[in-house]
Amino acid sequence: MCFGRCARCVGYKLLILALLCIVANILLYFPNGETRFASEHHLGKYVECLHGILGGGFLVLIPAAVFIGLHNGDCCGCFGHGGCGKSCVMLSSVLAAFVGILGSGYCIIISALGLSQGPYCFTHLQRNWIYPFADSSGGYLFEYNKWSECQEPQNIVQWNVTLFSILLVLGGIEFILCFIQIINGLCGLCSDEEALPEWNCFTAWFGSFS
């Protein structure tokens, strides 16, 4: 079954992306590999949102597991009724992909907010822990000469920018893959019985609501 092979391929890609998101989010908790900033609660608020662990990680692992398990092309025959097996597979893939959309979307939003606000750090001007770039609306990303304002953690701006950017890109790829799988599932649902060509799928699906 072509749909099952495609879903399995997408599932393995999502599995790798989800694991990378989890690793990147964990690294955000330990700037330069140091644990004391986390224990002293000197991390930015968006670092602690678990957007890579929960959003781009575990919530994306759900559709990944479902897609990988769809390669057999059935869904227990829908309680013994083999004729609806394919439709059951398509529907389960759409629902699972929707969960992945939510998770990856959360990862994208928090990563973008984290990049816009900038890191939480100890500055040599204020002599206090603050968000020195919060009012720049992300403009600090191109003002490298200001990054030295953050004294602790060392190189925190580079650390946050790199990892938040990685999470933003990974979340974006996850979102696209899940969205594609939703379209594939809806196309499969509308063409399962009538063998409609792919280009006519959207017409048939939207026409069912009229």
N, C-alpha and C. Protein backbone atom coordinates (compact mmCIF):
# COMPACT_ATOMS: atom_id res chain seq x y z
N MET A 1 0.85 -1.19 0.00
CA MET A 1 0.00 0.00 0.00
C MET A 1 0.88 1.24 0.00
N CYS A 2 0.73 2.11 -1.00
CA CYS A 2 1.59 3.28 -1.15
C CYS A 2 1.44 4.23 0.03
N PHE A 3 0.22 4.45 0.47
CA PHE A 3 -0.02 5.35 1.60
C PHE A 3 0.73 4.87 2.84
N GLY A 4 0.69 3.57 3.10
CA GLY A 4 1.37 3.03 4.27
C GLY A 4 2.86 3.22 4.20
N ARG A 5 3.46 3.03 3.03
CA ARG A 5 4.91 3.21 2.89
C ARG A 5 5.28 4.68 3.10
N CYS A 6 4.49 5.59 2.54
CA CYS A 6 4.76 7.02 2.71
C CYS A 6 4.62 7.43 4.17
N ALA A 7 3.57 6.92 4.84
CA ALA A 7 3.36 7.25 6.24
C ALA A 7 4.51 6.73 7.09
N ARG A 8 4.98 5.54 6.78
CA ARG A 8 6.09 4.98 7.54
C ARG A 8 7.35 5.81 7.37
N CYS A 9 7.59 6.28 6.17
CA CYS A 9 8.75 7.13 5.89
C CYS A 9 8.66 8.44 6.69
N VAL A 10 7.49 9.06 6.66
CA VAL A 10 7.27 10.30 7.42
C VAL A 10 7.44 10.03 8.91
N GLY A 11 6.95 8.88 9.38
CA GLY A 11 7.04 8.53 10.79
C GLY A 11 8.48 8.45 11.28
N TYR A 12 9.34 7.83 10.49
CA TYR A 12 10.75 7.73 10.88
C TYR A 12 11.41 9.11 10.90
N LYS A 13 11.05 9.96 9.96
CA LYS A 13 11.60 11.32 9.94
C LYS A 13 11.16 12.09 11.18
N LEU A 14 9.87 11.97 11.52
CA LEU A 14 9.37 12.65 12.71
C LEU A 14 10.03 12.12 13.98
N LEU A 15 10.30 10.83 14.00
CA LEU A 15 10.97 10.23 15.17
C LEU A 15 12.33 10.86 15.39
N ILE A 16 13.10 11.01 14.33
CA ILE A 16 14.43 11.61 14.43
C ILE A 16 14.33 13.07 14.84
N LEU A 17 13.41 13.80 14.22
CA LEU A 17 13.24 15.22 14.53
C LEU A 17 12.81 15.43 15.98
N ALA A 18 11.90 14.58 16.47
CA ALA A 18 11.43 14.70 17.84
C ALA A 18 12.56 14.47 18.84
N LEU A 19 13.40 13.48 18.58
CA LEU A 19 14.53 13.21 19.46
C LEU A 19 15.53 14.37 19.45
N LEU A 20 15.74 14.96 18.29
CA LEU A 20 16.63 16.12 18.20
C LEU A 20 16.06 17.31 18.98
N CYS A 21 14.74 17.49 18.92
CA CYS A 21 14.11 18.58 19.67
C CYS A 21 14.30 18.38 21.17
N ILE A 22 14.15 17.16 21.62
CA ILE A 22 14.32 16.87 23.05
C ILE A 22 15.75 17.18 23.49
N VAL A 23 16.71 16.76 22.69
CA VAL A 23 18.12 17.01 23.02
C VAL A 23 18.42 18.50 23.05
N ALA A 24 17.93 19.24 22.04
CA ALA A 24 18.18 20.68 21.98
C ALA A 24 17.56 21.40 23.16
N ASN A 25 16.36 21.00 23.56
CA ASN A 25 15.70 21.63 24.71
C ASN A 25 16.44 21.33 26.00
N ILE A 26 16.94 20.13 26.15
CA ILE A 26 17.72 19.78 27.34
C ILE A 26 18.99 20.63 27.42
N LEU A 27 19.64 20.83 26.29
CA LEU A 27 20.85 21.65 26.27
C LEU A 27 20.57 23.09 26.69
N LEU A 28 19.37 23.60 26.38
CA LEU A 28 19.02 24.95 26.80
C LEU A 28 19.06 25.11 28.31
N TYR A 29 18.80 24.03 29.02
CA TYR A 29 18.78 24.07 30.48
C TYR A 29 20.19 24.15 31.08
N PHE A 30 21.18 23.84 30.28
CA PHE A 30 22.54 23.76 30.81
C PHE A 30 23.50 24.58 29.95
N PRO A 31 23.46 25.90 30.07
CA PRO A 31 24.36 26.75 29.27
C PRO A 31 25.83 26.37 29.49
N ASN A 32 26.51 26.14 28.40
CA ASN A 32 27.92 25.74 28.44
C ASN A 32 28.15 24.46 29.23
N GLY A 33 27.11 23.66 29.37
CA GLY A 33 27.24 22.40 30.09
C GLY A 33 27.21 22.55 31.60
N GLU A 34 26.88 23.73 32.10
CA GLU A 34 26.86 23.98 33.55
C GLU A 34 25.44 23.80 34.09
N THR A 35 25.34 23.20 35.27
CA THR A 35 24.03 22.93 35.87
C THR A 35 23.62 23.98 36.90
N ARG A 36 24.53 24.82 37.34
CA ARG A 36 24.24 25.72 38.45
C ARG A 36 23.20 26.78 38.10
N PHE A 37 23.11 27.17 36.84
CA PHE A 37 22.15 28.21 36.46
C PHE A 37 20.72 27.68 36.55
N ALA A 38 20.54 26.42 36.24
CA ALA A 38 19.22 25.81 36.37
C ALA A 38 18.84 25.66 37.84
N SER A 39 19.78 25.24 38.65
CA SER A 39 19.50 25.04 40.07
C SER A 39 19.27 26.37 40.78
N GLU A 40 19.87 27.44 40.27
CA GLU A 40 19.70 28.77 40.87
C GLU A 40 18.54 29.54 40.24
N HIS A 41 17.82 28.89 39.33
CA HIS A 41 16.66 29.50 38.65
C HIS A 41 17.06 30.75 37.86
N HIS A 42 18.18 30.69 37.19
CA HIS A 42 18.65 31.77 36.36
C HIS A 42 18.54 31.41 34.88
N LEU A 43 17.39 30.87 34.52
CA LEU A 43 17.11 30.54 33.12
C LEU A 43 15.95 31.40 32.63
N GLY A 44 15.92 31.68 31.35
CA GLY A 44 14.83 32.46 30.78
C GLY A 44 13.51 31.72 30.87
N LYS A 45 12.42 32.48 30.89
CA LYS A 45 11.10 31.86 31.06
C LYS A 45 10.73 30.96 29.88
N TYR A 46 11.20 31.30 28.69
CA TYR A 46 10.87 30.48 27.53
C TYR A 46 11.72 29.22 27.45
N VAL A 47 12.84 29.22 28.17
CA VAL A 47 13.65 28.00 28.25
C VAL A 47 12.89 26.93 29.02
N GLU A 48 12.10 27.35 30.00
CA GLU A 48 11.41 26.42 30.89
C GLU A 48 10.02 26.03 30.39
N CYS A 49 9.68 26.38 29.17
CA CYS A 49 8.34 26.07 28.63
C CYS A 49 8.24 24.65 28.07
N LEU A 50 9.34 23.92 28.03
CA LEU A 50 9.36 22.53 27.54
C LEU A 50 8.86 22.41 26.11
N HIS A 51 9.09 23.44 25.31
CA HIS A 51 8.57 23.42 23.94
C HIS A 51 9.27 22.38 23.07
N GLY A 52 10.52 22.10 23.38
CA GLY A 52 11.22 21.07 22.61
C GLY A 52 11.00 19.68 23.16
N ILE A 53 10.88 19.58 24.49
CA ILE A 53 10.67 18.27 25.11
C ILE A 53 9.22 17.81 24.95
N LEU A 54 8.29 18.69 25.31
CA LEU A 54 6.87 18.33 25.24
C LEU A 54 6.28 18.56 23.85
N GLY A 55 6.45 19.78 23.33
CA GLY A 55 5.84 20.13 22.05
C GLY A 55 6.45 19.41 20.86
N GLY A 56 7.68 19.80 20.53
CA GLY A 56 8.35 19.18 19.39
C GLY A 56 8.85 17.79 19.65
N GLY A 57 8.82 17.37 20.93
CA GLY A 57 9.30 16.05 21.30
C GLY A 57 8.21 15.02 21.46
N PHE A 58 7.63 14.92 22.67
CA PHE A 58 6.69 13.84 22.96
C PHE A 58 5.40 13.92 22.14
N LEU A 59 4.88 15.13 21.91
CA LEU A 59 3.66 15.23 21.12
C LEU A 59 3.88 14.85 19.66
N VAL A 60 5.10 14.99 19.18
CA VAL A 60 5.41 14.57 17.81
C VAL A 60 5.75 13.09 17.76
N LEU A 61 6.20 12.54 18.88
CA LEU A 61 6.46 11.09 18.92
C LEU A 61 5.17 10.29 18.75
N ILE A 62 4.03 10.88 19.14
CA ILE A 62 2.74 10.18 18.99
C ILE A 62 2.43 9.92 17.52
N PRO A 63 2.39 10.94 16.64
CA PRO A 63 2.15 10.64 15.23
C PRO A 63 3.26 9.81 14.60
N ALA A 64 4.50 9.99 15.08
CA ALA A 64 5.60 9.19 14.53
C ALA A 64 5.33 7.70 14.76
N ALA A 65 4.92 7.35 15.98
CA ALA A 65 4.63 5.95 16.29
C ALA A 65 3.44 5.44 15.49
N VAL A 66 2.41 6.29 15.34
CA VAL A 66 1.23 5.88 14.57
C VAL A 66 1.58 5.66 13.11
N PHE A 67 2.33 6.58 12.52
CA PHE A 67 2.68 6.46 11.10
C PHE A 67 3.54 5.23 10.84
N ILE A 68 4.48 4.97 11.72
CA ILE A 68 5.34 3.80 11.54
C ILE A 68 4.52 2.52 11.62
N GLY A 69 3.48 2.52 12.45
CA GLY A 69 2.64 1.34 12.59
C GLY A 69 1.59 1.16 11.51
N LEU A 70 1.49 2.13 10.57
CA LEU A 70 0.46 2.05 9.54
C LEU A 70 0.91 1.32 8.29
N HIS A 71 2.15 0.83 8.26
CA HIS A 71 2.66 0.29 7.00
C HIS A 71 1.96 -0.99 6.56
N ASN A 72 1.23 -1.65 7.48
CA ASN A 72 0.53 -2.87 7.08
C ASN A 72 -0.75 -2.59 6.32
N GLY A 73 -1.23 -1.32 6.40
CA GLY A 73 -2.37 -0.93 5.58
C GLY A 73 -3.70 -1.37 6.11
N ASP A 74 -3.81 -1.80 7.36
CA ASP A 74 -5.12 -2.13 7.89
C ASP A 74 -5.26 -1.50 9.27
N CYS A 75 -6.44 -1.64 9.83
CA CYS A 75 -6.68 -1.10 11.16
C CYS A 75 -7.57 -2.10 11.89
N CYS A 76 -7.10 -3.33 11.92
CA CYS A 76 -7.84 -4.44 12.53
C CYS A 76 -9.17 -4.67 11.81
N GLY A 77 -9.24 -4.21 10.57
CA GLY A 77 -10.46 -4.41 9.79
C GLY A 77 -11.66 -3.70 10.37
N CYS A 78 -11.45 -2.71 11.23
CA CYS A 78 -12.56 -1.99 11.87
C CYS A 78 -13.53 -2.97 12.52
N PHE A 79 -13.06 -3.67 13.52
CA PHE A 79 -13.85 -4.63 14.29
C PHE A 79 -14.44 -5.73 13.41
N GLY A 80 -13.62 -6.24 12.51
CA GLY A 80 -14.05 -7.36 11.70
C GLY A 80 -14.62 -6.99 10.35
N HIS A 81 -14.86 -5.72 10.12
CA HIS A 81 -15.39 -5.28 8.82
C HIS A 81 -14.23 -4.83 7.95
N GLY A 82 -13.71 -5.74 7.17
CA GLY A 82 -12.50 -5.47 6.40
C GLY A 82 -12.65 -4.36 5.40
N GLY A 83 -13.87 -4.09 4.94
CA GLY A 83 -14.07 -3.09 3.91
C GLY A 83 -13.74 -1.68 4.35
N CYS A 84 -13.78 -1.42 5.65
CA CYS A 84 -13.51 -0.07 6.12
C CYS A 84 -12.11 0.06 6.70
N GLY A 85 -11.30 -0.94 6.51
CA GLY A 85 -9.96 -0.92 7.09
C GLY A 85 -9.12 0.24 6.63
N LYS A 86 -9.14 0.52 5.30
CA LYS A 86 -8.33 1.61 4.77
C LYS A 86 -8.80 2.95 5.31
N SER A 87 -10.11 3.14 5.38
CA SER A 87 -10.64 4.40 5.89
C SER A 87 -10.23 4.60 7.34
N CYS A 88 -10.19 3.53 8.11
CA CYS A 88 -9.78 3.61 9.51
C CYS A 88 -8.32 4.02 9.61
N VAL A 89 -7.49 3.50 8.72
CA VAL A 89 -6.08 3.86 8.68
C VAL A 89 -5.92 5.35 8.36
N MET A 90 -6.65 5.82 7.34
CA MET A 90 -6.55 7.22 6.95
C MET A 90 -6.97 8.14 8.09
N LEU A 91 -8.09 7.80 8.73
CA LEU A 91 -8.60 8.64 9.80
C LEU A 91 -7.64 8.70 10.98
N SER A 92 -7.07 7.56 11.35
CA SER A 92 -6.12 7.54 12.47
C SER A 92 -4.88 8.36 12.14
N SER A 93 -4.44 8.35 10.89
CA SER A 93 -3.27 9.13 10.51
C SER A 93 -3.56 10.63 10.57
N VAL A 94 -4.77 11.02 10.18
CA VAL A 94 -5.16 12.43 10.23
C VAL A 94 -5.20 12.92 11.68
N LEU A 95 -5.81 12.14 12.55
CA LEU A 95 -5.90 12.52 13.96
C LEU A 95 -4.51 12.61 14.61
N ALA A 96 -3.66 11.63 14.30
CA ALA A 96 -2.30 11.64 14.85
C ALA A 96 -1.51 12.83 14.32
N ALA A 97 -1.67 13.13 13.03
CA ALA A 97 -0.96 14.26 12.45
C ALA A 97 -1.42 15.57 13.06
N PHE A 98 -2.69 15.65 13.43
CA PHE A 98 -3.21 16.86 14.08
C PHE A 98 -2.54 17.08 15.43
N VAL A 99 -2.29 15.99 16.17
CA VAL A 99 -1.56 16.10 17.44
C VAL A 99 -0.14 16.62 17.17
N GLY A 100 0.48 16.12 16.11
CA GLY A 100 1.81 16.59 15.75
C GLY A 100 1.81 18.05 15.35
N ILE A 101 0.75 18.51 14.68
CA ILE A 101 0.62 19.92 14.33
C ILE A 101 0.61 20.79 15.58
N LEU A 102 -0.16 20.36 16.59
CA LEU A 102 -0.24 21.11 17.84
C LEU A 102 1.12 21.18 18.53
N GLY A 103 1.80 20.03 18.60
CA GLY A 103 3.09 19.99 19.27
C GLY A 103 4.15 20.81 18.57
N SER A 104 4.25 20.63 17.27
CA SER A 104 5.26 21.37 16.51
C SER A 104 4.94 22.86 16.47
N GLY A 105 3.64 23.19 16.40
CA GLY A 105 3.24 24.60 16.43
C GLY A 105 3.64 25.27 17.73
N TYR A 106 3.47 24.55 18.84
CA TYR A 106 3.88 25.07 20.15
C TYR A 106 5.39 25.29 20.18
N CYS A 107 6.13 24.36 19.62
CA CYS A 107 7.60 24.48 19.56
C CYS A 107 8.01 25.70 18.74
N ILE A 108 7.34 25.93 17.63
CA ILE A 108 7.66 27.07 16.77
C ILE A 108 7.39 28.39 17.48
N ILE A 109 6.22 28.49 18.12
CA ILE A 109 5.82 29.75 18.76
C ILE A 109 6.77 30.10 19.91
N ILE A 110 7.04 29.13 20.78
CA ILE A 110 7.91 29.42 21.92
C ILE A 110 9.34 29.72 21.48
N SER A 111 9.82 29.02 20.46
CA SER A 111 11.17 29.29 19.95
C SER A 111 11.26 30.70 19.39
N ALA A 112 10.24 31.12 18.66
CA ALA A 112 10.22 32.47 18.10
C ALA A 112 10.18 33.52 19.21
N LEU A 113 9.38 33.27 20.25
CA LEU A 113 9.30 34.20 21.37
C LEU A 113 10.63 34.26 22.13
N GLY A 114 11.26 33.10 22.30
CA GLY A 114 12.56 33.05 22.97
C GLY A 114 13.62 33.84 22.22
N LEU A 115 13.61 33.72 20.89
CA LEU A 115 14.56 34.48 20.09
C LEU A 115 14.27 35.96 20.15
N SER A 116 12.99 36.32 20.16
CA SER A 116 12.62 37.73 20.18
C SER A 116 12.98 38.40 21.50
N GLN A 117 12.75 37.71 22.61
CA GLN A 117 13.02 38.30 23.92
C GLN A 117 14.50 38.33 24.27
N GLY A 118 15.22 37.32 23.85
CA GLY A 118 16.63 37.25 24.19
C GLY A 118 16.86 36.54 25.51
N PRO A 119 18.11 36.33 25.89
CA PRO A 119 18.42 35.53 27.08
C PRO A 119 18.24 36.31 28.38
N TYR A 120 18.13 35.53 29.45
CA TYR A 120 18.11 36.07 30.81
C TYR A 120 19.53 35.94 31.35
N CYS A 121 20.15 37.08 31.68
CA CYS A 121 21.56 37.00 32.05
C CYS A 121 21.95 38.10 33.03
N PHE A 122 23.12 37.94 33.59
CA PHE A 122 23.69 38.93 34.50
C PHE A 122 24.50 39.91 33.66
N THR A 123 24.14 41.21 33.74
CA THR A 123 24.81 42.21 32.91
C THR A 123 25.78 43.05 33.73
N HIS A 124 26.81 43.55 33.06
CA HIS A 124 27.80 44.37 33.75
C HIS A 124 27.32 45.80 33.94
N LEU A 125 26.26 46.21 33.21
CA LEU A 125 25.73 47.56 33.37
C LEU A 125 24.76 47.65 34.54
N GLN A 126 23.80 46.74 34.58
CA GLN A 126 22.80 46.76 35.64
C GLN A 126 23.26 46.04 36.91
N ARG A 127 24.26 45.21 36.76
CA ARG A 127 24.74 44.38 37.87
C ARG A 127 23.60 43.57 38.47
N ASN A 128 22.80 43.02 37.60
CA ASN A 128 21.64 42.25 38.04
C ASN A 128 21.24 41.28 36.94
N TRP A 129 20.36 40.31 37.29
CA TRP A 129 19.85 39.37 36.30
C TRP A 129 18.62 39.97 35.64
N ILE A 130 18.71 40.20 34.34
CA ILE A 130 17.61 40.83 33.60
C ILE A 130 17.55 40.25 32.18
N TYR A 131 16.54 40.74 31.42
CA TYR A 131 16.45 40.45 29.98
C TYR A 131 16.92 41.72 29.26
N PRO A 132 18.19 41.85 28.97
CA PRO A 132 18.71 43.11 28.43
C PRO A 132 18.22 43.43 27.01
N PHE A 133 17.73 42.43 26.30
CA PHE A 133 17.32 42.66 24.91
C PHE A 133 15.82 42.54 24.71
N ALA A 134 15.06 42.56 25.80
CA ALA A 134 13.62 42.32 25.71
C ALA A 134 12.90 43.38 24.88
N ASP A 135 13.40 44.61 24.89
CA ASP A 135 12.75 45.71 24.17
C ASP A 135 13.22 45.86 22.73
N SER A 136 14.12 45.02 22.31
CA SER A 136 14.68 45.17 20.96
C SER A 136 13.84 44.47 19.90
N SER A 137 12.83 43.67 20.33
CA SER A 137 11.97 42.92 19.40
C SER A 137 12.79 42.06 18.43
N GLY A 138 13.85 41.48 18.93
CA GLY A 138 14.69 40.62 18.12
C GLY A 138 15.80 41.33 17.38
N GLY A 139 15.85 42.67 17.50
CA GLY A 139 16.89 43.42 16.79
C GLY A 139 18.29 43.11 17.28
N TYR A 140 18.40 42.64 18.52
CA TYR A 140 19.72 42.30 19.07
C TYR A 140 20.40 41.18 18.29
N LEU A 141 19.63 40.39 17.56
CA LEU A 141 20.19 39.27 16.80
C LEU A 141 21.21 39.74 15.78
N PHE A 142 21.07 40.99 15.33
CA PHE A 142 21.98 41.53 14.31
C PHE A 142 22.95 42.57 14.89
N GLU A 143 22.90 42.75 16.21
CA GLU A 143 23.78 43.71 16.86
C GLU A 143 24.77 42.94 17.73
N TYR A 144 25.72 42.30 17.07
CA TYR A 144 26.64 41.40 17.76
C TYR A 144 27.49 42.12 18.81
N ASN A 145 27.71 43.40 18.61
CA ASN A 145 28.55 44.14 19.56
C ASN A 145 27.88 44.28 20.92
N LYS A 146 26.56 44.09 20.99
CA LYS A 146 25.85 44.21 22.26
C LYS A 146 25.78 42.88 23.03
N TRP A 147 26.15 41.81 22.39
CA TRP A 147 26.03 40.51 23.04
C TRP A 147 26.93 40.39 24.27
N SER A 148 27.99 41.19 24.29
CA SER A 148 28.93 41.12 25.42
C SER A 148 28.34 41.72 26.70
N GLU A 149 27.15 42.33 26.60
CA GLU A 149 26.51 42.86 27.80
C GLU A 149 26.21 41.75 28.80
N CYS A 150 25.97 40.56 28.31
CA CYS A 150 25.69 39.42 29.18
C CYS A 150 27.01 38.82 29.67
N GLN A 151 27.23 38.91 30.97
CA GLN A 151 28.45 38.35 31.54
C GLN A 151 28.28 36.90 31.97
N GLU A 152 27.13 36.60 32.54
CA GLU A 152 26.84 35.23 32.97
C GLU A 152 25.45 34.85 32.50
N PRO A 153 25.28 33.62 32.07
CA PRO A 153 26.30 32.61 31.74
C PRO A 153 27.16 33.08 30.56
N GLN A 154 28.36 32.61 30.51
CA GLN A 154 29.27 33.01 29.45
C GLN A 154 28.75 32.53 28.10
N ASN A 155 28.78 33.43 27.11
CA ASN A 155 28.32 33.13 25.75
C ASN A 155 26.86 32.68 25.71
N ILE A 156 26.03 33.20 26.65
CA ILE A 156 24.65 32.78 26.71
C ILE A 156 23.85 33.21 25.48
N VAL A 157 24.20 34.36 24.91
CA VAL A 157 23.46 34.82 23.73
C VAL A 157 23.66 33.85 22.57
N GLN A 158 24.91 33.48 22.31
CA GLN A 158 25.17 32.53 21.24
C GLN A 158 24.51 31.18 21.52
N TRP A 159 24.55 30.77 22.78
CA TRP A 159 23.96 29.48 23.17
C TRP A 159 22.46 29.47 22.91
N ASN A 160 21.76 30.52 23.37
CA ASN A 160 20.32 30.59 23.20
C ASN A 160 19.91 30.75 21.74
N VAL A 161 20.60 31.64 21.05
CA VAL A 161 20.25 31.88 19.65
C VAL A 161 20.40 30.61 18.82
N THR A 162 21.50 29.90 19.04
CA THR A 162 21.73 28.67 18.27
C THR A 162 20.67 27.63 18.54
N LEU A 163 20.39 27.37 19.83
CA LEU A 163 19.46 26.29 20.17
C LEU A 163 18.01 26.65 19.88
N PHE A 164 17.62 27.90 20.14
CA PHE A 164 16.27 28.32 19.79
C PHE A 164 16.05 28.28 18.28
N SER A 165 17.09 28.66 17.53
CA SER A 165 16.99 28.61 16.07
C SER A 165 16.85 27.18 15.57
N ILE A 166 17.63 26.27 16.17
CA ILE A 166 17.53 24.86 15.81
C ILE A 166 16.13 24.33 16.09
N LEU A 167 15.59 24.67 17.27
CA LEU A 167 14.24 24.21 17.62
C LEU A 167 13.19 24.82 16.70
N LEU A 168 13.40 26.05 16.29
CA LEU A 168 12.47 26.70 15.37
C LEU A 168 12.45 25.98 14.02
N VAL A 169 13.62 25.65 13.53
CA VAL A 169 13.72 24.95 12.24
C VAL A 169 13.15 23.53 12.35
N LEU A 170 13.52 22.81 13.41
CA LEU A 170 13.02 21.45 13.59
C LEU A 170 11.51 21.43 13.72
N GLY A 171 10.98 22.37 14.52
CA GLY A 171 9.53 22.46 14.67
C GLY A 171 8.84 22.78 13.35
N GLY A 172 9.46 23.63 12.54
CA GLY A 172 8.89 23.97 11.24
C GLY A 172 8.84 22.76 10.31
N ILE A 173 9.90 21.97 10.31
CA ILE A 173 9.92 20.76 9.47
C ILE A 173 8.86 19.77 9.95
N GLU A 174 8.76 19.60 11.28
CA GLU A 174 7.73 18.70 11.83
C GLU A 174 6.34 19.16 11.43
N PHE A 175 6.10 20.47 11.51
CA PHE A 175 4.80 21.02 11.15
C PHE A 175 4.46 20.72 9.70
N ILE A 176 5.42 20.90 8.81
CA ILE A 176 5.20 20.66 7.39
C ILE A 176 4.92 19.19 7.12
N LEU A 177 5.69 18.30 7.74
CA LEU A 177 5.49 16.87 7.54
C LEU A 177 4.11 16.42 8.04
N CYS A 178 3.70 16.92 9.21
CA CYS A 178 2.39 16.56 9.75
C CYS A 178 1.27 17.12 8.88
N PHE A 179 1.46 18.33 8.38
CA PHE A 179 0.45 18.93 7.51
C PHE A 179 0.30 18.13 6.21
N ILE A 180 1.44 17.73 5.66
CA ILE A 180 1.39 16.91 4.44
C ILE A 180 0.66 15.60 4.70
N GLN A 181 0.90 15.01 5.88
CA GLN A 181 0.25 13.74 6.20
C GLN A 181 -1.25 13.91 6.40
N ILE A 182 -1.66 15.07 6.91
CA ILE A 182 -3.09 15.35 7.02
C ILE A 182 -3.72 15.40 5.64
N ILE A 183 -3.07 16.10 4.71
CA ILE A 183 -3.59 16.19 3.34
C ILE A 183 -3.64 14.80 2.70
N ASN A 184 -2.60 14.01 2.89
CA ASN A 184 -2.58 12.65 2.33
C ASN A 184 -3.71 11.81 2.91
N GLY A 185 -3.94 11.94 4.22
CA GLY A 185 -5.01 11.17 4.85
C GLY A 185 -6.38 11.58 4.36
N LEU A 186 -6.61 12.90 4.20
CA LEU A 186 -7.90 13.38 3.70
C LEU A 186 -8.11 12.97 2.25
N CYS A 187 -7.04 13.00 1.48
CA CYS A 187 -7.14 12.55 0.09
C CYS A 187 -7.48 11.06 0.03
N GLY A 188 -6.86 10.29 0.93
CA GLY A 188 -7.15 8.87 0.96
C GLY A 188 -8.58 8.58 1.37
N LEU A 189 -9.11 9.38 2.30
CA LEU A 189 -10.49 9.18 2.76
C LEU A 189 -11.49 9.46 1.65
N CYS A 190 -11.23 10.50 0.87
CA CYS A 190 -12.22 10.89 -0.14
C CYS A 190 -12.11 10.06 -1.40
N SER A 191 -10.95 9.41 -1.61
CA SER A 191 -10.77 8.65 -2.86
C SER A 191 -10.78 7.15 -2.65
N ASP A 192 -10.96 6.71 -1.41
CA ASP A 192 -10.87 5.27 -1.10
C ASP A 192 -11.90 4.47 -1.86
N GLU A 193 -13.15 4.92 -1.84
CA GLU A 193 -14.23 4.15 -2.45
C GLU A 193 -14.39 4.46 -3.93
N GLU A 194 -14.12 5.73 -4.32
CA GLU A 194 -14.41 6.15 -5.68
C GLU A 194 -13.19 6.15 -6.59
N ALA A 195 -12.02 5.84 -6.00
CA ALA A 195 -10.77 5.82 -6.78
C ALA A 195 -10.58 7.12 -7.53
N LEU A 196 -10.76 8.24 -6.86
CA LEU A 196 -10.63 9.55 -7.48
C LEU A 196 -9.17 9.86 -7.74
N PRO A 197 -8.85 10.54 -8.82
CA PRO A 197 -7.48 10.96 -9.04
C PRO A 197 -7.07 11.99 -8.00
N GLU A 198 -5.76 12.08 -7.72
CA GLU A 198 -5.28 12.94 -6.66
C GLU A 198 -5.66 14.39 -6.88
N TRP A 199 -5.63 14.87 -8.12
CA TRP A 199 -5.90 16.28 -8.35
C TRP A 199 -7.34 16.64 -8.06
N ASN A 200 -8.20 15.64 -8.03
CA ASN A 200 -9.62 15.89 -7.79
C ASN A 200 -10.00 15.67 -6.34
N CYS A 201 -9.02 15.35 -5.51
CA CYS A 201 -9.32 15.00 -4.13
C CYS A 201 -9.93 16.15 -3.36
N PHE A 202 -9.34 17.33 -3.48
CA PHE A 202 -9.84 18.46 -2.69
C PHE A 202 -11.26 18.84 -3.10
N THR A 203 -11.55 18.76 -4.40
CA THR A 203 -12.89 19.06 -4.86
C THR A 203 -13.91 18.11 -4.27
N ALA A 204 -13.56 16.84 -4.23
CA ALA A 204 -14.47 15.85 -3.70
C ALA A 204 -14.67 16.02 -2.20
N TRP A 205 -13.58 16.34 -1.48
CA TRP A 205 -13.68 16.46 -0.03
C TRP A 205 -14.50 17.66 0.38
N PHE A 206 -14.18 18.85 -0.21
CA PHE A 206 -14.92 20.04 0.14
C PHE A 206 -16.36 19.98 -0.37
N GLY A 207 -16.55 19.27 -1.47
CA GLY A 207 -17.90 19.13 -2.00
C GLY A 207 -18.80 18.32 -1.10
N SER A 208 -18.22 17.49 -0.23
CA SER A 208 -19.05 16.67 0.66
C SER A 208 -19.74 17.51 1.73
N PHE A 209 -19.28 18.76 1.94
CA PHE A 209 -19.88 19.62 2.95
C PHE A 209 -20.98 20.50 2.36
N SER A 210 -21.08 20.55 1.06
CA SER A 210 -22.07 21.41 0.44
C SER A 210 -23.40 20.70 0.23
